[in-house]
Amino acid sequence: MKMKVVFVTSLLVVAILFSVLGAVIFQSHAKPATKVSLASFTTAGCTSSSAKITVTSTGSASGTPDVVNVMASINELGTSAADALSSDNSEAAQIITTVTAAGVSASDIQTTNFSLGPTYSDKGVITGYSASNSIMIKITNLSSAGTVIDQAENSIGNAGTIQSIYFSVSNTSLLQGEAKANAVSQANSEAQAMATAAGEKISGVCSISDSAPTPLYPVTYGSAMQSANSSSQVPLQAGTQSLTDQVTVIYGLTTK
């Protein structure tokens, strides 16, 4: 019985030795691991000593405004601060009620530039108090904008004015993307023309940098609104607005 156990144990030891020896032989015949240099991924013509072309180009994109922003200004006088504030609050509440009834969302109405203080005579004596604020109204339904503006102007009467009206584009991200793409496309064309004229060939793009896009400048209507006839609907034309973007692209060059 003892001899049988010893024999089995010997077989196991021999098997282990063969396994180890086989692994060593396999590794000695295996191919060495391939080393990949990061330098191999460098764009041709973009090394520090390579010739390059730097192009700065501008692209633009236009869109139709879909929002009308109306700034209404209210100013009330009173013999006391409380009186002036009460009158101002009443006028503000009236215009807010009017425009919300006309379909403007409460979230699109914002009170700004509030002030409350004394008024003085030429001799510096307090004669009363003045309360004023501005209300920004965002109208997203352009078809009803003229009616909303008329109703807002009528609701504040002589206590306030429609200070300004301007159009804007609610979502400029699409225009920004289009302007960037146009700027890069223009840069590619200019770089290709320059390289061809120099007898070289574009090998690739080394880098692209983007400047902040030029904001959309709103089309504003101001004092003309104050003299407009409140009995007729205000004529509004949204037109178009443009956004520009500038990119600087560095291209690598190779000889044709």
C-alpha atoms as a PDB file:
ATOM      1  CA  MET A   1       0.000   0.000   0.000  1.00  0.00           C
ATOM      2  CA  LYS A   2       2.840   2.348   0.923  1.00  0.00           C
ATOM      3  CA  MET A   3       4.624   1.637  -2.358  1.00  0.00           C
ATOM      4  CA  LYS A   4       1.483   2.520  -4.306  1.00  0.00           C
ATOM      5  CA  VAL A   5       1.211   5.915  -2.625  1.00  0.00           C
ATOM      6  CA  VAL A   6       4.885   6.662  -3.287  1.00  0.00           C
ATOM      7  CA  PHE A   7       4.463   5.694  -6.942  1.00  0.00           C
ATOM      8  CA  VAL A   8       1.457   8.016  -7.423  1.00  0.00           C
ATOM      9  CA  THR A   9       3.294  10.877  -5.723  1.00  0.00           C
ATOM     10  CA  SER A  10       6.279  10.403  -8.011  1.00  0.00           C
ATOM     11  CA  LEU A  11       4.036  10.592 -11.064  1.00  0.00           C
ATOM     12  CA  LEU A  12       2.591  13.917  -9.834  1.00  0.00           C
ATOM     13  CA  VAL A  13       6.059  15.380  -9.304  1.00  0.00           C
ATOM     14  CA  VAL A  14       7.135  14.324 -12.790  1.00  0.00           C
ATOM     15  CA  ALA A  15       3.991  15.865 -14.313  1.00  0.00           C
ATOM     16  CA  ILE A  16       4.642  19.166 -12.553  1.00  0.00           C
ATOM     17  CA  LEU A  17       8.259  19.213 -13.737  1.00  0.00           C
ATOM     18  CA  PHE A  18       7.174  18.648 -17.350  1.00  0.00           C
ATOM     19  CA  SER A  19       4.611  21.471 -17.075  1.00  0.00           C
ATOM     20  CA  VAL A  20       7.200  23.935 -15.778  1.00  0.00           C
ATOM     21  CA  LEU A  21       9.735  22.880 -18.412  1.00  0.00           C
ATOM     22  CA  GLY A  22       7.148  23.258 -21.188  1.00  0.00           C
ATOM     23  CA  ALA A  23       6.244  26.760 -20.065  1.00  0.00           C
ATOM     24  CA  VAL A  24       9.900  27.799 -20.060  1.00  0.00           C
ATOM     25  CA  ILE A  25      10.465  26.354 -23.551  1.00  0.00           C
ATOM     26  CA  PHE A  26       7.288  28.070 -24.877  1.00  0.00           C
ATOM     27  CA  GLN A  27       8.331  31.456 -23.507  1.00  0.00           C
ATOM     28  CA  SER A  28      11.815  31.105 -24.988  1.00  0.00           C
ATOM     29  CA  HIS A  29      10.306  30.585 -28.473  1.00  0.00           C
ATOM     30  CA  ALA A  30       7.539  33.189 -28.156  1.00  0.00           C
ATOM     31  CA  LYS A  31       7.837  36.457 -30.127  1.00  0.00           C
ATOM     32  CA  PRO A  32       8.813  39.514 -28.075  1.00  0.00           C
ATOM     33  CA  ALA A  33       6.027  42.030 -27.300  1.00  0.00           C
ATOM     34  CA  THR A  34       5.622  44.821 -29.849  1.00  0.00           C
ATOM     35  CA  LYS A  35       6.433  48.265 -28.464  1.00  0.00           C
ATOM     36  CA  VAL A  36       4.269  51.099 -29.806  1.00  0.00           C
ATOM     37  CA  SER A  37       5.748  54.565 -29.747  1.00  0.00           C
ATOM     38  CA  LEU A  38       3.407  57.471 -29.085  1.00  0.00           C
ATOM     39  CA  ALA A  39       5.463  59.401 -31.606  1.00  0.00           C
ATOM     40  CA  SER A  40       4.001  57.208 -34.337  1.00  0.00           C
ATOM     41  CA  PHE A  41       0.631  58.853 -33.749  1.00  0.00           C
ATOM     42  CA  THR A  42       1.970  62.378 -34.339  1.00  0.00           C
ATOM     43  CA  THR A  43       0.356  63.955 -37.388  1.00  0.00           C
ATOM     44  CA  ALA A  44       2.817  64.209 -40.243  1.00  0.00           C
ATOM     45  CA  GLY A  45       4.176  67.739 -40.572  1.00  0.00           C
ATOM     46  CA  CYS A  46       3.261  68.750 -37.020  1.00  0.00           C
ATOM     47  CA  THR A  47       6.661  68.358 -35.378  1.00  0.00           C
ATOM     48  CA  SER A  48       8.413  71.430 -34.020  1.00  0.00           C
ATOM     49  CA  SER A  49      10.796  71.568 -36.981  1.00  0.00           C
ATOM     50  CA  SER A  50       8.169  71.039 -39.695  1.00  0.00           C
ATOM     51  CA  ALA A  51       6.816  73.753 -41.966  1.00  0.00           C
ATOM     52  CA  LYS A  52       3.308  74.888 -41.073  1.00  0.00           C
ATOM     53  CA  ILE A  53       0.560  77.249 -42.152  1.00  0.00           C
ATOM     54  CA  THR A  54      -1.512  79.201 -39.630  1.00  0.00           C
ATOM     55  CA  VAL A  55      -4.909  80.416 -40.811  1.00  0.00           C
ATOM     56  CA  THR A  56      -7.390  82.565 -38.902  1.00  0.00           C
ATOM     57  CA  SER A  57     -10.861  82.500 -40.404  1.00  0.00           C
ATOM     58  CA  THR A  58     -14.334  83.724 -39.541  1.00  0.00           C
ATOM     59  CA  GLY A  59     -17.638  81.970 -40.125  1.00  0.00           C
ATOM     60  CA  SER A  60     -21.180  83.173 -39.605  1.00  0.00           C
ATOM     61  CA  ALA A  61     -24.678  81.786 -39.319  1.00  0.00           C
ATOM     62  CA  SER A  62     -28.062  83.513 -39.415  1.00  0.00           C
ATOM     63  CA  GLY A  63     -31.303  82.698 -37.675  1.00  0.00           C
ATOM     64  CA  THR A  64     -34.785  84.118 -37.333  1.00  0.00           C
ATOM     65  CA  PRO A  65     -35.560  85.567 -33.885  1.00  0.00           C
ATOM     66  CA  ASP A  66     -38.312  83.730 -32.048  1.00  0.00           C
ATOM     67  CA  VAL A  67     -38.621  85.904 -28.926  1.00  0.00           C
ATOM     68  CA  VAL A  68     -39.730  89.502 -28.390  1.00  0.00           C
ATOM     69  CA  ASN A  69     -38.377  91.119 -25.218  1.00  0.00           C
ATOM     70  CA  VAL A  70     -40.256  94.132 -23.885  1.00  0.00           C
ATOM     71  CA  MET A  71     -38.917  96.404 -21.147  1.00  0.00           C
ATOM     72  CA  ALA A  72     -41.644  98.404 -19.387  1.00  0.00           C
ATOM     73  CA  SER A  73     -40.649 101.160 -16.961  1.00  0.00           C
ATOM     74  CA  ILE A  74     -42.862 102.429 -14.121  1.00  0.00           C
ATOM     75  CA  ASN A  75     -42.319 105.521 -11.954  1.00  0.00           C
ATOM     76  CA  GLU A  76     -44.644 106.694  -9.181  1.00  0.00           C
ATOM     77  CA  LEU A  77     -44.453 109.646  -6.788  1.00  0.00           C
ATOM     78  CA  GLY A  78     -45.907 109.915  -3.293  1.00  0.00           C
ATOM     79  CA  THR A  79     -45.836 112.140  -0.251  1.00  0.00           C
ATOM     80  CA  SER A  80     -44.247 109.275   1.670  1.00  0.00           C
ATOM     81  CA  ALA A  81     -42.135 106.282   0.770  1.00  0.00           C
ATOM     82  CA  ALA A  82     -45.066 104.008   1.569  1.00  0.00           C
ATOM     83  CA  ASP A  83     -47.380 105.946  -0.755  1.00  0.00           C
ATOM     84  CA  ALA A  84     -44.911 105.876  -3.649  1.00  0.00           C
ATOM     85  CA  LEU A  85     -44.214 102.177  -3.133  1.00  0.00           C
ATOM     86  CA  SER A  86     -47.903 101.323  -2.946  1.00  0.00           C
ATOM     87  CA  SER A  87     -48.654 103.152  -6.203  1.00  0.00           C
ATOM     88  CA  ASP A  88     -45.702 101.537  -7.933  1.00  0.00           C
ATOM     89  CA  ASN A  89     -46.722  98.067  -6.771  1.00  0.00           C
ATOM     90  CA  SER A  90     -50.265  98.668  -7.982  1.00  0.00           C
ATOM     91  CA  GLU A  91     -49.080  99.671 -11.460  1.00  0.00           C
ATOM     92  CA  ALA A  92     -46.678  96.725 -11.637  1.00  0.00           C
ATOM     93  CA  ALA A  93     -49.415  94.306 -10.610  1.00  0.00           C
ATOM     94  CA  GLN A  94     -51.701  95.774 -13.266  1.00  0.00           C
ATOM     95  CA  ILE A  95     -49.242  95.279 -16.115  1.00  0.00           C
ATOM     96  CA  ILE A  96     -48.374  91.752 -14.950  1.00  0.00           C
ATOM     97  CA  THR A  97     -52.054  90.827 -14.785  1.00  0.00           C
ATOM     98  CA  THR A  98     -52.633  92.280 -18.245  1.00  0.00           C
ATOM     99  CA  VAL A  99     -49.811  90.460 -20.031  1.00  0.00           C
ATOM    100  CA  THR A 100     -50.455  87.124 -18.313  1.00  0.00           C
ATOM    101  CA  ALA A 101     -54.098  87.364 -19.379  1.00  0.00           C
ATOM    102  CA  ALA A 102     -52.804  87.934 -22.920  1.00  0.00           C
ATOM    103  CA  GLY A 103     -50.932  84.624 -22.801  1.00  0.00           C
ATOM    104  CA  VAL A 104     -47.503  85.484 -21.392  1.00  0.00           C
ATOM    105  CA  SER A 105     -46.227  82.920 -18.886  1.00  0.00           C
ATOM    106  CA  ALA A 106     -45.524  84.193 -15.369  1.00  0.00           C
ATOM    107  CA  SER A 107     -42.034  82.684 -15.624  1.00  0.00           C
ATOM    108  CA  ASP A 108     -41.356  85.012 -18.572  1.00  0.00           C
ATOM    109  CA  ILE A 109     -41.950  88.156 -16.503  1.00  0.00           C
ATOM    110  CA  GLN A 110     -39.137  89.586 -14.380  1.00  0.00           C
ATOM    111  CA  THR A 111     -38.919  92.721 -12.245  1.00  0.00           C
ATOM    112  CA  THR A 112     -35.588  94.561 -12.507  1.00  0.00           C
ATOM    113  CA  ASN A 113     -33.943  97.858 -11.513  1.00  0.00           C
ATOM    114  CA  PHE A 114     -36.171  98.648  -8.530  1.00  0.00           C
ATOM    115  CA  SER A 115     -35.471 101.894  -6.672  1.00  0.00           C
ATOM    116  CA  LEU A 116     -37.128 103.876  -3.866  1.00  0.00           C
ATOM    117  CA  GLY A 117     -35.892 107.206  -2.560  1.00  0.00           C
ATOM    118  CA  PRO A 118     -36.703 110.819  -1.711  1.00  0.00           C
ATOM    119  CA  THR A 119     -37.155 113.651  -4.184  1.00  0.00           C
ATOM    120  CA  TYR A 120     -35.665 117.068  -3.452  1.00  0.00           C
ATOM    121  CA  SER A 121     -36.400 120.697  -4.226  1.00  0.00           C
ATOM    122  CA  ASP A 122     -33.785 123.043  -5.648  1.00  0.00           C
ATOM    123  CA  LYS A 123     -32.859 123.932  -2.066  1.00  0.00           C
ATOM    124  CA  GLY A 124     -32.275 120.316  -1.087  1.00  0.00           C
ATOM    125  CA  VAL A 125     -35.502 119.921   0.855  1.00  0.00           C
ATOM    126  CA  ILE A 126     -37.330 116.576   0.630  1.00  0.00           C
ATOM    127  CA  THR A 127     -40.538 117.107  -1.310  1.00  0.00           C
ATOM    128  CA  GLY A 128     -41.725 113.517  -1.530  1.00  0.00           C
ATOM    129  CA  TYR A 129     -40.646 110.056  -2.600  1.00  0.00           C
ATOM    130  CA  SER A 130     -40.214 108.244  -5.871  1.00  0.00           C
ATOM    131  CA  ALA A 131     -40.558 104.524  -6.548  1.00  0.00           C
ATOM    132  CA  SER A 132     -39.594 103.043  -9.875  1.00  0.00           C
ATOM    133  CA  ASN A 133     -38.871  99.690 -11.396  1.00  0.00           C
ATOM    134  CA  SER A 134     -38.605  97.983 -14.739  1.00  0.00           C
ATOM    135  CA  ILE A 135     -40.419  94.859 -15.856  1.00  0.00           C
ATOM    136  CA  MET A 136     -38.933  92.602 -18.504  1.00  0.00           C
ATOM    137  CA  ILE A 137     -41.560  90.705 -20.491  1.00  0.00           C
ATOM    138  CA  LYS A 138     -40.530  87.851 -22.774  1.00  0.00           C
ATOM    139  CA  ILE A 139     -43.055  87.077 -25.505  1.00  0.00           C
ATOM    140  CA  THR A 140     -42.505  83.731 -27.228  1.00  0.00           C
ATOM    141  CA  ASN A 141     -45.595  83.879 -29.453  1.00  0.00           C
ATOM    142  CA  LEU A 142     -44.582  86.386 -32.113  1.00  0.00           C
ATOM    143  CA  SER A 143     -48.010  86.437 -33.714  1.00  0.00           C
ATOM    144  CA  SER A 144     -49.501  87.966 -30.560  1.00  0.00           C
ATOM    145  CA  ALA A 145     -46.562  90.220 -29.663  1.00  0.00           C
ATOM    146  CA  GLY A 146     -48.085  93.394 -31.094  1.00  0.00           C
ATOM    147  CA  THR A 147     -51.322  92.888 -29.159  1.00  0.00           C
ATOM    148  CA  VAL A 148     -49.485  92.127 -25.910  1.00  0.00           C
ATOM    149  CA  ILE A 149     -47.354  95.261 -26.253  1.00  0.00           C
ATOM    150  CA  ASP A 150     -50.401  97.440 -26.936  1.00  0.00           C
ATOM    151  CA  GLN A 151     -52.207  96.075 -23.896  1.00  0.00           C
ATOM    152  CA  ALA A 152     -49.125  96.498 -21.716  1.00  0.00           C
ATOM    153  CA  GLU A 153     -48.723 100.121 -22.780  1.00  0.00           C
ATOM    154  CA  ASN A 154     -52.386 100.884 -22.142  1.00  0.00           C
ATOM    155  CA  SER A 155     -52.308  99.262 -18.700  1.00  0.00           C
ATOM    156  CA  ILE A 156     -49.514 101.456 -17.317  1.00  0.00           C
ATOM    157  CA  GLY A 157     -50.960 104.711 -18.682  1.00  0.00           C
ATOM    158  CA  ASN A 158     -49.027 107.888 -17.840  1.00  0.00           C
ATOM    159  CA  ALA A 159     -47.183 106.244 -14.946  1.00  0.00           C
ATOM    160  CA  GLY A 160     -44.831 104.346 -17.192  1.00  0.00           C
ATOM    161  CA  THR A 161     -43.458 103.792 -20.644  1.00  0.00           C
ATOM    162  CA  ILE A 162     -42.452 100.969 -22.925  1.00  0.00           C
ATOM    163  CA  GLN A 163     -38.729 101.597 -22.680  1.00  0.00           C
ATOM    164  CA  SER A 164     -37.471  99.187 -25.311  1.00  0.00           C
ATOM    165  CA  ILE A 165     -38.432  96.262 -27.512  1.00  0.00           C
ATOM    166  CA  TYR A 166     -35.934  93.863 -29.027  1.00  0.00           C
ATOM    167  CA  PHE A 167     -35.903  90.518 -30.780  1.00  0.00           C
ATOM    168  CA  SER A 168     -33.683  87.599 -29.807  1.00  0.00           C
ATOM    169  CA  VAL A 169     -33.025  83.963 -30.662  1.00  0.00           C
ATOM    170  CA  SER A 170     -33.891  81.687 -27.747  1.00  0.00           C
ATOM    171  CA  ASN A 171     -31.462  78.879 -28.596  1.00  0.00           C
ATOM    172  CA  THR A 172     -28.169  80.003 -30.105  1.00  0.00           C
ATOM    173  CA  SER A 173     -26.308  76.675 -29.754  1.00  0.00           C
ATOM    174  CA  LEU A 174     -27.272  75.517 -33.259  1.00  0.00           C
ATOM    175  CA  LEU A 175     -26.157  78.817 -34.765  1.00  0.00           C
ATOM    176  CA  GLN A 176     -22.877  78.646 -32.852  1.00  0.00           C
ATOM    177  CA  GLY A 177     -22.190  75.160 -34.194  1.00  0.00           C
ATOM    178  CA  GLU A 178     -22.985  76.244 -37.744  1.00  0.00           C
ATOM    179  CA  ALA A 179     -20.775  79.331 -37.452  1.00  0.00           C
ATOM    180  CA  LYS A 180     -17.852  77.238 -36.140  1.00  0.00           C
ATOM    181  CA  ALA A 181     -18.238  74.718 -38.963  1.00  0.00           C
ATOM    182  CA  ASN A 182     -18.305  77.508 -41.542  1.00  0.00           C
ATOM    183  CA  ALA A 183     -15.193  79.086 -40.008  1.00  0.00           C
ATOM    184  CA  VAL A 184     -13.257  75.800 -40.146  1.00  0.00           C
ATOM    185  CA  SER A 185     -14.413  75.145 -43.711  1.00  0.00           C
ATOM    186  CA  GLN A 186     -13.244  78.594 -44.739  1.00  0.00           C
ATOM    187  CA  ALA A 187      -9.892  78.013 -43.016  1.00  0.00           C
ATOM    188  CA  ASN A 188      -9.464  74.722 -44.893  1.00  0.00           C
ATOM    189  CA  SER A 189     -10.058  76.435 -48.232  1.00  0.00           C
ATOM    190  CA  GLU A 190      -7.631  79.245 -47.456  1.00  0.00           C
ATOM    191  CA  ALA A 191      -4.931  76.854 -46.229  1.00  0.00           C
ATOM    192  CA  GLN A 192      -5.288  74.675 -49.321  1.00  0.00           C
ATOM    193  CA  ALA A 193      -4.947  77.684 -51.610  1.00  0.00           C
ATOM    194  CA  MET A 194      -1.865  78.926 -49.743  1.00  0.00           C
ATOM    195  CA  ALA A 195      -0.207  75.507 -49.740  1.00  0.00           C
ATOM    196  CA  THR A 196      -0.843  75.013 -53.458  1.00  0.00           C
ATOM    197  CA  ALA A 197       0.587  78.431 -54.264  1.00  0.00           C
ATOM    198  CA  ALA A 198       3.704  77.575 -52.247  1.00  0.00           C
ATOM    199  CA  GLY A 199       4.125  74.218 -53.973  1.00  0.00           C
ATOM    200  CA  GLU A 200       3.390  72.300 -50.789  1.00  0.00           C
ATOM    201  CA  LYS A 201       0.693  69.903 -49.654  1.00  0.00           C
ATOM    202  CA  ILE A 202      -1.433  69.922 -46.491  1.00  0.00           C
ATOM    203  CA  SER A 203      -0.499  66.901 -44.372  1.00  0.00           C
ATOM    204  CA  GLY A 204      -3.037  67.390 -41.605  1.00  0.00           C
ATOM    205  CA  VAL A 205      -4.353  69.638 -38.857  1.00  0.00           C
ATOM    206  CA  CYS A 206      -1.946  70.273 -35.989  1.00  0.00           C
ATOM    207  CA  SER A 207      -4.290  72.329 -33.787  1.00  0.00           C
ATOM    208  CA  ILE A 208      -7.529  74.299 -33.787  1.00  0.00           C
ATOM    209  CA  SER A 209      -8.338  77.119 -31.385  1.00  0.00           C
ATOM    210  CA  ASP A 210     -11.685  78.857 -31.140  1.00  0.00           C
ATOM    211  CA  SER A 211     -12.395  82.381 -29.956  1.00  0.00           C
ATOM    212  CA  ALA A 212     -15.601  83.360 -28.202  1.00  0.00           C
ATOM    213  CA  PRO A 213     -18.428  83.783 -30.733  1.00  0.00           C
ATOM    214  CA  THR A 214     -19.706  87.280 -31.372  1.00  0.00           C
ATOM    215  CA  PRO A 215     -23.081  87.603 -29.625  1.00  0.00           C
ATOM    216  CA  LEU A 216     -26.279  88.240 -31.493  1.00  0.00           C
ATOM    217  CA  TYR A 217     -27.027  91.941 -31.343  1.00  0.00           C
ATOM    218  CA  PRO A 218     -30.756  92.492 -30.791  1.00  0.00           C
ATOM    219  CA  VAL A 219     -32.876  94.633 -33.065  1.00  0.00           C
ATOM    220  CA  THR A 220     -34.150  97.302 -30.676  1.00  0.00           C
ATOM    221  CA  TYR A 221     -37.132  99.617 -30.828  1.00  0.00           C
ATOM    222  CA  GLY A 222     -37.065 102.341 -28.189  1.00  0.00           C
ATOM    223  CA  SER A 223     -38.379 105.885 -28.200  1.00  0.00           C
ATOM    224  CA  ALA A 224     -40.506 105.265 -31.285  1.00  0.00           C
ATOM    225  CA  MET A 225     -42.760 103.107 -29.164  1.00  0.00           C
ATOM    226  CA  GLN A 226     -43.493 105.950 -26.767  1.00  0.00           C
ATOM    227  CA  SER A 227     -44.904 108.075 -29.573  1.00  0.00           C
ATOM    228  CA  ALA A 228     -46.806 105.221 -31.206  1.00  0.00           C
ATOM    229  CA  ASN A 229     -50.567 105.403 -31.345  1.00  0.00           C
ATOM    230  CA  SER A 230     -51.770 102.992 -28.660  1.00  0.00           C
ATOM    231  CA  SER A 231     -55.048 102.479 -30.501  1.00  0.00           C
ATOM    232  CA  SER A 232     -53.301 100.613 -33.326  1.00  0.00           C
ATOM    233  CA  GLN A 233     -51.350  97.391 -33.093  1.00  0.00           C
ATOM    234  CA  VAL A 234     -47.596  97.828 -33.105  1.00  0.00           C
ATOM    235  CA  PRO A 235     -46.107  96.523 -36.402  1.00  0.00           C
ATOM    236  CA  LEU A 236     -43.221  94.126 -35.741  1.00  0.00           C
ATOM    237  CA  GLN A 237     -40.807  92.513 -38.180  1.00  0.00           C
ATOM    238  CA  ALA A 238     -38.399  89.968 -36.682  1.00  0.00           C
ATOM    239  CA  GLY A 239     -35.953  89.923 -39.603  1.00  0.00           C
ATOM    240  CA  THR A 240     -32.800  87.838 -39.102  1.00  0.00           C
ATOM    241  CA  GLN A 241     -29.826  87.958 -36.764  1.00  0.00           C
ATOM    242  CA  SER A 242     -26.300  86.754 -37.430  1.00  0.00           C
ATOM    243  CA  LEU A 243     -23.707  85.169 -35.163  1.00  0.00           C
ATOM    244  CA  THR A 244     -20.020  84.970 -36.060  1.00  0.00           C
ATOM    245  CA  ASP A 245     -17.224  82.732 -34.798  1.00  0.00           C
ATOM    246  CA  GLN A 246     -13.472  82.867 -35.368  1.00  0.00           C
ATOM    247  CA  VAL A 247     -11.063  79.923 -35.437  1.00  0.00           C
ATOM    248  CA  THR A 248      -7.295  79.674 -35.774  1.00  0.00           C
ATOM    249  CA  VAL A 249      -6.060  76.470 -37.427  1.00  0.00           C
ATOM    250  CA  ILE A 250      -2.448  75.323 -37.749  1.00  0.00           C
ATOM    251  CA  TYR A 251      -1.792  72.935 -40.647  1.00  0.00           C
ATOM    252  CA  GLY A 252       1.249  70.764 -41.246  1.00  0.00           C
ATOM    253  CA  LEU A 253       2.932  70.832 -44.657  1.00  0.00           C
ATOM    254  CA  THR A 254       4.720  68.236 -46.746  1.00  0.00           C
ATOM    255  CA  THR A 255       6.467  68.550 -50.088  1.00  0.00           C
ATOM    256  CA  LYS A 256       4.464  67.386 -53.096  1.00  0.00           C
END
